[in-house]
Amino acid sequence: MEQWDIYDKNRVLTGRTMERGSVFLPGDYHLVVHVCIFNGNNEMLIQQRQPFKHGWSNMWDVTVGGSVTAGETSHQGAQRELFEEIGYPADLSAERPFFTMNYENGFDDFYLIEREVDITTLTLQYEEVQNVKWATKEEILRMVAEGTFIDYWFMDVLFEMRKQRGAIRETK
């Protein structure tokens, strides 16, 4: 069974682990990663979840995402998820999460990377992913409105965010 490291509210490892599906104790958190791959055409590589996948069945989602397993760092978990879910080998050791969102039971690290990926070469994990495609911001927002894409509240700014670092708008 999959094991997760347990963090405290300050994202410090506690030295304890929990089994996936277990109940979180008060003050226990875990780490989830999401990777959004963009290309030079200002499109994001998105995936469609399997109809039998628990949680957001049949919905379209960002490139990949999942829980970091015990002993992994954030970028190691992101690399593993990329390879497991879509068969894309990427070295993310020099990457940092672009941003982190806190949620009730943990931390969501989002990686925003640019790569030119030939989707015909990808191997989709049957248990997780039924399809992938490149989509523009407008297509994704339309899918959100139609209820076919998971509704991340920040999706309308995600495409612009990837070109910025920090909170101050860079102008050139």
C-alpha atoms as a PDB file:
ATOM      1  CA  MET A   1       0.000   0.000   0.000  1.00  0.00           C
ATOM      2  CA  GLU A   2       1.175   3.526  -0.776  1.00  0.00           C
ATOM      3  CA  GLN A   3       2.808   5.358   2.135  1.00  0.00           C
ATOM      4  CA  TRP A   4       2.888   9.133   2.554  1.00  0.00           C
ATOM      5  CA  ASP A   5       5.215  11.216   4.701  1.00  0.00           C
ATOM      6  CA  ILE A   6       3.416  13.291   7.320  1.00  0.00           C
ATOM      7  CA  TYR A   7       4.278  16.982   7.641  1.00  0.00           C
ATOM      8  CA  ASP A   8       3.318  19.525  10.279  1.00  0.00           C
ATOM      9  CA  LYS A   9       1.570  22.814   9.414  1.00  0.00           C
ATOM     10  CA  ASN A  10       4.938  24.439   8.675  1.00  0.00           C
ATOM     11  CA  ARG A  11       5.756  21.729   6.117  1.00  0.00           C
ATOM     12  CA  VAL A  12       8.336  20.123   8.370  1.00  0.00           C
ATOM     13  CA  LEU A  13       8.570  16.340   8.161  1.00  0.00           C
ATOM     14  CA  THR A  14       7.392  14.684  11.371  1.00  0.00           C
ATOM     15  CA  GLY A  15       9.252  11.408  10.799  1.00  0.00           C
ATOM     16  CA  ARG A  16       5.915   9.561  10.651  1.00  0.00           C
ATOM     17  CA  THR A  17       4.112   8.096   7.653  1.00  0.00           C
ATOM     18  CA  MET A  18       0.537   7.177   6.889  1.00  0.00           C
ATOM     19  CA  GLU A  19      -1.077   4.721   4.537  1.00  0.00           C
ATOM     20  CA  ARG A  20      -3.060   6.130   1.613  1.00  0.00           C
ATOM     21  CA  GLY A  21      -6.744   6.160   2.563  1.00  0.00           C
ATOM     22  CA  SER A  22      -6.094   6.494   6.295  1.00  0.00           C
ATOM     23  CA  VAL A  23      -7.740   9.231   8.327  1.00  0.00           C
ATOM     24  CA  PHE A  24      -5.611  12.304   8.952  1.00  0.00           C
ATOM     25  CA  LEU A  25      -4.957  13.090  12.584  1.00  0.00           C
ATOM     26  CA  PRO A  26      -5.313  16.732  13.662  1.00  0.00           C
ATOM     27  CA  GLY A  27      -2.193  18.652  12.627  1.00  0.00           C
ATOM     28  CA  ASP A  28      -1.095  16.049  10.046  1.00  0.00           C
ATOM     29  CA  TYR A  29      -0.568  17.057   6.417  1.00  0.00           C
ATOM     30  CA  HIS A  30       0.749  15.479   3.244  1.00  0.00           C
ATOM     31  CA  LEU A  31       2.216  16.678  -0.041  1.00  0.00           C
ATOM     32  CA  VAL A  32       0.611  16.569  -3.486  1.00  0.00           C
ATOM     33  CA  VAL A  33       2.243  17.671  -6.757  1.00  0.00           C
ATOM     34  CA  HIS A  34       0.791  18.907 -10.043  1.00  0.00           C
ATOM     35  CA  VAL A  35       2.772  19.439 -13.224  1.00  0.00           C
ATOM     36  CA  CYS A  36       1.494  21.676 -16.005  1.00  0.00           C
ATOM     37  CA  ILE A  37       3.457  21.328 -19.243  1.00  0.00           C
ATOM     38  CA  PHE A  38       3.124  24.216 -21.695  1.00  0.00           C
ATOM     39  CA  ASN A  39       4.457  24.394 -25.249  1.00  0.00           C
ATOM     40  CA  GLY A  40       5.649  27.231 -27.481  1.00  0.00           C
ATOM     41  CA  ASN A  41       2.138  27.581 -28.960  1.00  0.00           C
ATOM     42  CA  ASN A  42       0.780  28.725 -25.568  1.00  0.00           C
ATOM     43  CA  GLU A  43      -1.021  25.426 -25.032  1.00  0.00           C
ATOM     44  CA  MET A  44      -1.106  23.173 -21.976  1.00  0.00           C
ATOM     45  CA  LEU A  45      -0.822  19.409 -22.192  1.00  0.00           C
ATOM     46  CA  ILE A  46      -3.939  18.101 -20.462  1.00  0.00           C
ATOM     47  CA  GLN A  47      -5.117  14.626 -19.528  1.00  0.00           C
ATOM     48  CA  GLN A  48      -8.522  13.003 -19.304  1.00  0.00           C
ATOM     49  CA  ARG A  49      -9.022  10.826 -16.249  1.00  0.00           C
ATOM     50  CA  GLN A  50     -10.360   7.309 -16.665  1.00  0.00           C
ATOM     51  CA  PRO A  51     -14.139   6.877 -16.177  1.00  0.00           C
ATOM     52  CA  PHE A  52     -13.476   4.335 -13.410  1.00  0.00           C
ATOM     53  CA  LYS A  53     -10.913   6.526 -11.598  1.00  0.00           C
ATOM     54  CA  HIS A  54     -12.129   7.604  -8.157  1.00  0.00           C
ATOM     55  CA  GLY A  55     -12.477  11.377  -7.937  1.00  0.00           C
ATOM     56  CA  TRP A  56     -13.256  13.510 -10.980  1.00  0.00           C
ATOM     57  CA  SER A  57     -13.964  10.479 -13.170  1.00  0.00           C
ATOM     58  CA  ASN A  58     -13.829  11.162 -16.909  1.00  0.00           C
ATOM     59  CA  MET A  59     -12.851  14.806 -16.283  1.00  0.00           C
ATOM     60  CA  TRP A  60     -10.021  16.644 -18.005  1.00  0.00           C
ATOM     61  CA  ASP A  61      -7.180  17.821 -15.755  1.00  0.00           C
ATOM     62  CA  VAL A  62      -3.746  19.463 -15.846  1.00  0.00           C
ATOM     63  CA  THR A  63      -0.886  17.392 -17.269  1.00  0.00           C
ATOM     64  CA  VAL A  64      -0.345  15.180 -14.188  1.00  0.00           C
ATOM     65  CA  GLY A  65      -0.840  15.204 -10.456  1.00  0.00           C
ATOM     66  CA  GLY A  66      -0.657  12.966  -7.435  1.00  0.00           C
ATOM     67  CA  SER A  67       0.550  12.380  -3.914  1.00  0.00           C
ATOM     68  CA  VAL A  68       4.239  12.375  -3.105  1.00  0.00           C
ATOM     69  CA  THR A  69       5.175   9.027  -1.578  1.00  0.00           C
ATOM     70  CA  ALA A  70       7.210   8.509   1.588  1.00  0.00           C
ATOM     71  CA  GLY A  71      10.872   9.361   1.137  1.00  0.00           C
ATOM     72  CA  GLU A  72      10.356  11.468  -1.993  1.00  0.00           C
ATOM     73  CA  THR A  73      10.965  15.176  -2.386  1.00  0.00           C
ATOM     74  CA  SER A  74       8.457  17.335  -4.212  1.00  0.00           C
ATOM     75  CA  HIS A  75      10.400  17.361  -7.475  1.00  0.00           C
ATOM     76  CA  GLN A  76      11.028  13.589  -7.282  1.00  0.00           C
ATOM     77  CA  GLY A  77       7.292  13.035  -6.866  1.00  0.00           C
ATOM     78  CA  ALA A  78       6.589  15.341  -9.812  1.00  0.00           C
ATOM     79  CA  GLN A  79       9.071  13.443 -12.004  1.00  0.00           C
ATOM     80  CA  ARG A  80       7.585  10.100 -10.982  1.00  0.00           C
ATOM     81  CA  GLU A  81       4.029  11.265 -11.669  1.00  0.00           C
ATOM     82  CA  LEU A  82       5.033  12.501 -15.142  1.00  0.00           C
ATOM     83  CA  PHE A  83       6.570   9.156 -15.980  1.00  0.00           C
ATOM     84  CA  GLU A  84       3.896   6.981 -14.342  1.00  0.00           C
ATOM     85  CA  GLU A  85       0.837   8.765 -15.715  1.00  0.00           C
ATOM     86  CA  ILE A  86       1.927   9.735 -19.228  1.00  0.00           C
ATOM     87  CA  GLY A  87       5.299   8.033 -19.761  1.00  0.00           C
ATOM     88  CA  TYR A  88       7.199  11.300 -20.042  1.00  0.00           C
ATOM     89  CA  PRO A  89      10.737  11.204 -18.609  1.00  0.00           C
ATOM     90  CA  ALA A  90      11.708  14.640 -17.311  1.00  0.00           C
ATOM     91  CA  ASP A  91      14.525  15.786 -15.085  1.00  0.00           C
ATOM     92  CA  LEU A  92      12.988  18.265 -12.656  1.00  0.00           C
ATOM     93  CA  SER A  93      15.902  18.297 -10.207  1.00  0.00           C
ATOM     94  CA  ALA A  94      16.672  21.953 -11.039  1.00  0.00           C
ATOM     95  CA  GLU A  95      13.008  22.987 -10.761  1.00  0.00           C
ATOM     96  CA  ARG A  96      11.189  24.413  -7.765  1.00  0.00           C
ATOM     97  CA  PRO A  97       7.439  24.452  -7.456  1.00  0.00           C
ATOM     98  CA  PHE A  98       6.140  27.540  -9.177  1.00  0.00           C
ATOM     99  CA  PHE A  99       3.641  27.998  -6.360  1.00  0.00           C
ATOM    100  CA  THR A 100       2.136  26.091  -3.440  1.00  0.00           C
ATOM    101  CA  MET A 101      -1.496  26.093  -2.385  1.00  0.00           C
ATOM    102  CA  ASN A 102      -2.436  25.044   1.122  1.00  0.00           C
ATOM    103  CA  TYR A 103      -5.534  22.906   1.531  1.00  0.00           C
ATOM    104  CA  GLU A 104      -7.231  21.195   4.460  1.00  0.00           C
ATOM    105  CA  ASN A 105      -4.937  18.160   4.661  1.00  0.00           C
ATOM    106  CA  GLY A 106      -1.795  19.315   2.965  1.00  0.00           C
ATOM    107  CA  PHE A 107       0.179  21.232   0.419  1.00  0.00           C
ATOM    108  CA  ASP A 108      -0.297  21.311  -3.382  1.00  0.00           C
ATOM    109  CA  ASP A 109       2.951  22.083  -5.227  1.00  0.00           C
ATOM    110  CA  PHE A 110       2.426  23.260  -8.810  1.00  0.00           C
ATOM    111  CA  TYR A 111       5.217  22.995 -11.366  1.00  0.00           C
ATOM    112  CA  LEU A 112       4.779  25.070 -14.543  1.00  0.00           C
ATOM    113  CA  ILE A 113       7.260  23.955 -17.178  1.00  0.00           C
ATOM    114  CA  GLU A 114       7.721  24.452 -20.893  1.00  0.00           C
ATOM    115  CA  ARG A 115       8.507  21.463 -23.086  1.00  0.00           C
ATOM    116  CA  GLU A 116       7.784  20.477 -26.652  1.00  0.00           C
ATOM    117  CA  VAL A 117       6.232  17.044 -26.141  1.00  0.00           C
ATOM    118  CA  ASP A 118       5.149  14.819 -29.018  1.00  0.00           C
ATOM    119  CA  ILE A 119       1.999  13.327 -27.510  1.00  0.00           C
ATOM    120  CA  THR A 120       2.080  10.412 -29.967  1.00  0.00           C
ATOM    121  CA  THR A 121       5.147   9.090 -28.096  1.00  0.00           C
ATOM    122  CA  LEU A 122       3.502   9.080 -24.649  1.00  0.00           C
ATOM    123  CA  THR A 123       2.484   5.891 -22.837  1.00  0.00           C
ATOM    124  CA  LEU A 124      -0.656   6.536 -20.806  1.00  0.00           C
ATOM    125  CA  GLN A 125      -1.143   4.719 -17.501  1.00  0.00           C
ATOM    126  CA  TYR A 126      -4.330   2.698 -18.006  1.00  0.00           C
ATOM    127  CA  GLU A 127      -5.390   2.949 -14.353  1.00  0.00           C
ATOM    128  CA  GLU A 128      -5.283   6.754 -14.427  1.00  0.00           C
ATOM    129  CA  VAL A 129      -5.378   8.347 -17.889  1.00  0.00           C
ATOM    130  CA  GLN A 130      -7.558   7.679 -20.938  1.00  0.00           C
ATOM    131  CA  ASN A 131      -6.437  10.517 -23.207  1.00  0.00           C
ATOM    132  CA  VAL A 132      -4.112  13.521 -23.567  1.00  0.00           C
ATOM    133  CA  LYS A 133      -4.157  16.554 -25.824  1.00  0.00           C
ATOM    134  CA  TRP A 134      -2.798  20.074 -26.159  1.00  0.00           C
ATOM    135  CA  ALA A 135      -5.324  22.824 -25.311  1.00  0.00           C
ATOM    136  CA  THR A 136      -5.320  26.611 -25.296  1.00  0.00           C
ATOM    137  CA  LYS A 137      -6.393  28.693 -22.318  1.00  0.00           C
ATOM    138  CA  GLU A 138      -9.666  29.478 -24.087  1.00  0.00           C
ATOM    139  CA  GLU A 139     -10.391  25.785 -24.735  1.00  0.00           C
ATOM    140  CA  ILE A 140      -9.688  24.897 -21.109  1.00  0.00           C
ATOM    141  CA  LEU A 141     -11.862  27.728 -19.760  1.00  0.00           C
ATOM    142  CA  ARG A 142     -14.680  26.581 -22.077  1.00  0.00           C
ATOM    143  CA  MET A 143     -14.275  23.024 -20.751  1.00  0.00           C
ATOM    144  CA  VAL A 144     -14.395  24.340 -17.163  1.00  0.00           C
ATOM    145  CA  ALA A 145     -17.639  26.195 -17.970  1.00  0.00           C
ATOM    146  CA  GLU A 146     -19.055  23.019 -19.556  1.00  0.00           C
ATOM    147  CA  GLY A 147     -18.120  20.995 -16.481  1.00  0.00           C
ATOM    148  CA  THR A 148     -15.680  18.703 -18.309  1.00  0.00           C
ATOM    149  CA  PHE A 149     -12.443  20.119 -16.828  1.00  0.00           C
ATOM    150  CA  ILE A 150     -11.659  20.209 -13.094  1.00  0.00           C
ATOM    151  CA  ASP A 151     -12.418  23.720 -11.870  1.00  0.00           C
ATOM    152  CA  TYR A 152      -9.154  25.109 -10.521  1.00  0.00           C
ATOM    153  CA  TRP A 153     -10.143  28.613  -9.419  1.00  0.00           C
ATOM    154  CA  PHE A 154      -6.894  30.111 -10.783  1.00  0.00           C
ATOM    155  CA  MET A 155      -7.010  28.528 -14.255  1.00  0.00           C
ATOM    156  CA  ASP A 156      -7.772  31.860 -15.923  1.00  0.00           C
ATOM    157  CA  VAL A 157      -4.391  33.269 -14.793  1.00  0.00           C
ATOM    158  CA  LEU A 158      -2.274  30.102 -14.924  1.00  0.00           C
ATOM    159  CA  PHE A 159      -1.079  30.689 -18.483  1.00  0.00           C
ATOM    160  CA  GLU A 160       0.240  34.167 -17.599  1.00  0.00           C
ATOM    161  CA  MET A 161       1.650  33.062 -14.225  1.00  0.00           C
ATOM    162  CA  ARG A 162       4.154  30.728 -15.858  1.00  0.00           C
ATOM    163  CA  LYS A 163       5.980  33.707 -17.338  1.00  0.00           C
ATOM    164  CA  GLN A 164       6.390  35.435 -13.955  1.00  0.00           C
ATOM    165  CA  ARG A 165       8.411  34.739 -10.815  1.00  0.00           C
ATOM    166  CA  GLY A 166       7.441  36.388  -7.577  1.00  0.00           C
ATOM    167  CA  ALA A 167       4.498  38.645  -6.799  1.00  0.00           C
ATOM    168  CA  ILE A 168       5.685  41.788  -8.617  1.00  0.00           C
ATOM    169  CA  ARG A 169       4.664  41.999 -12.295  1.00  0.00           C
ATOM    170  CA  GLU A 170       7.698  41.898 -14.538  1.00  0.00           C
ATOM    171  CA  THR A 171       7.540  44.304 -17.456  1.00  0.00           C
ATOM    172  CA  LYS A 172       9.833  44.215 -20.440  1.00  0.00           C
END
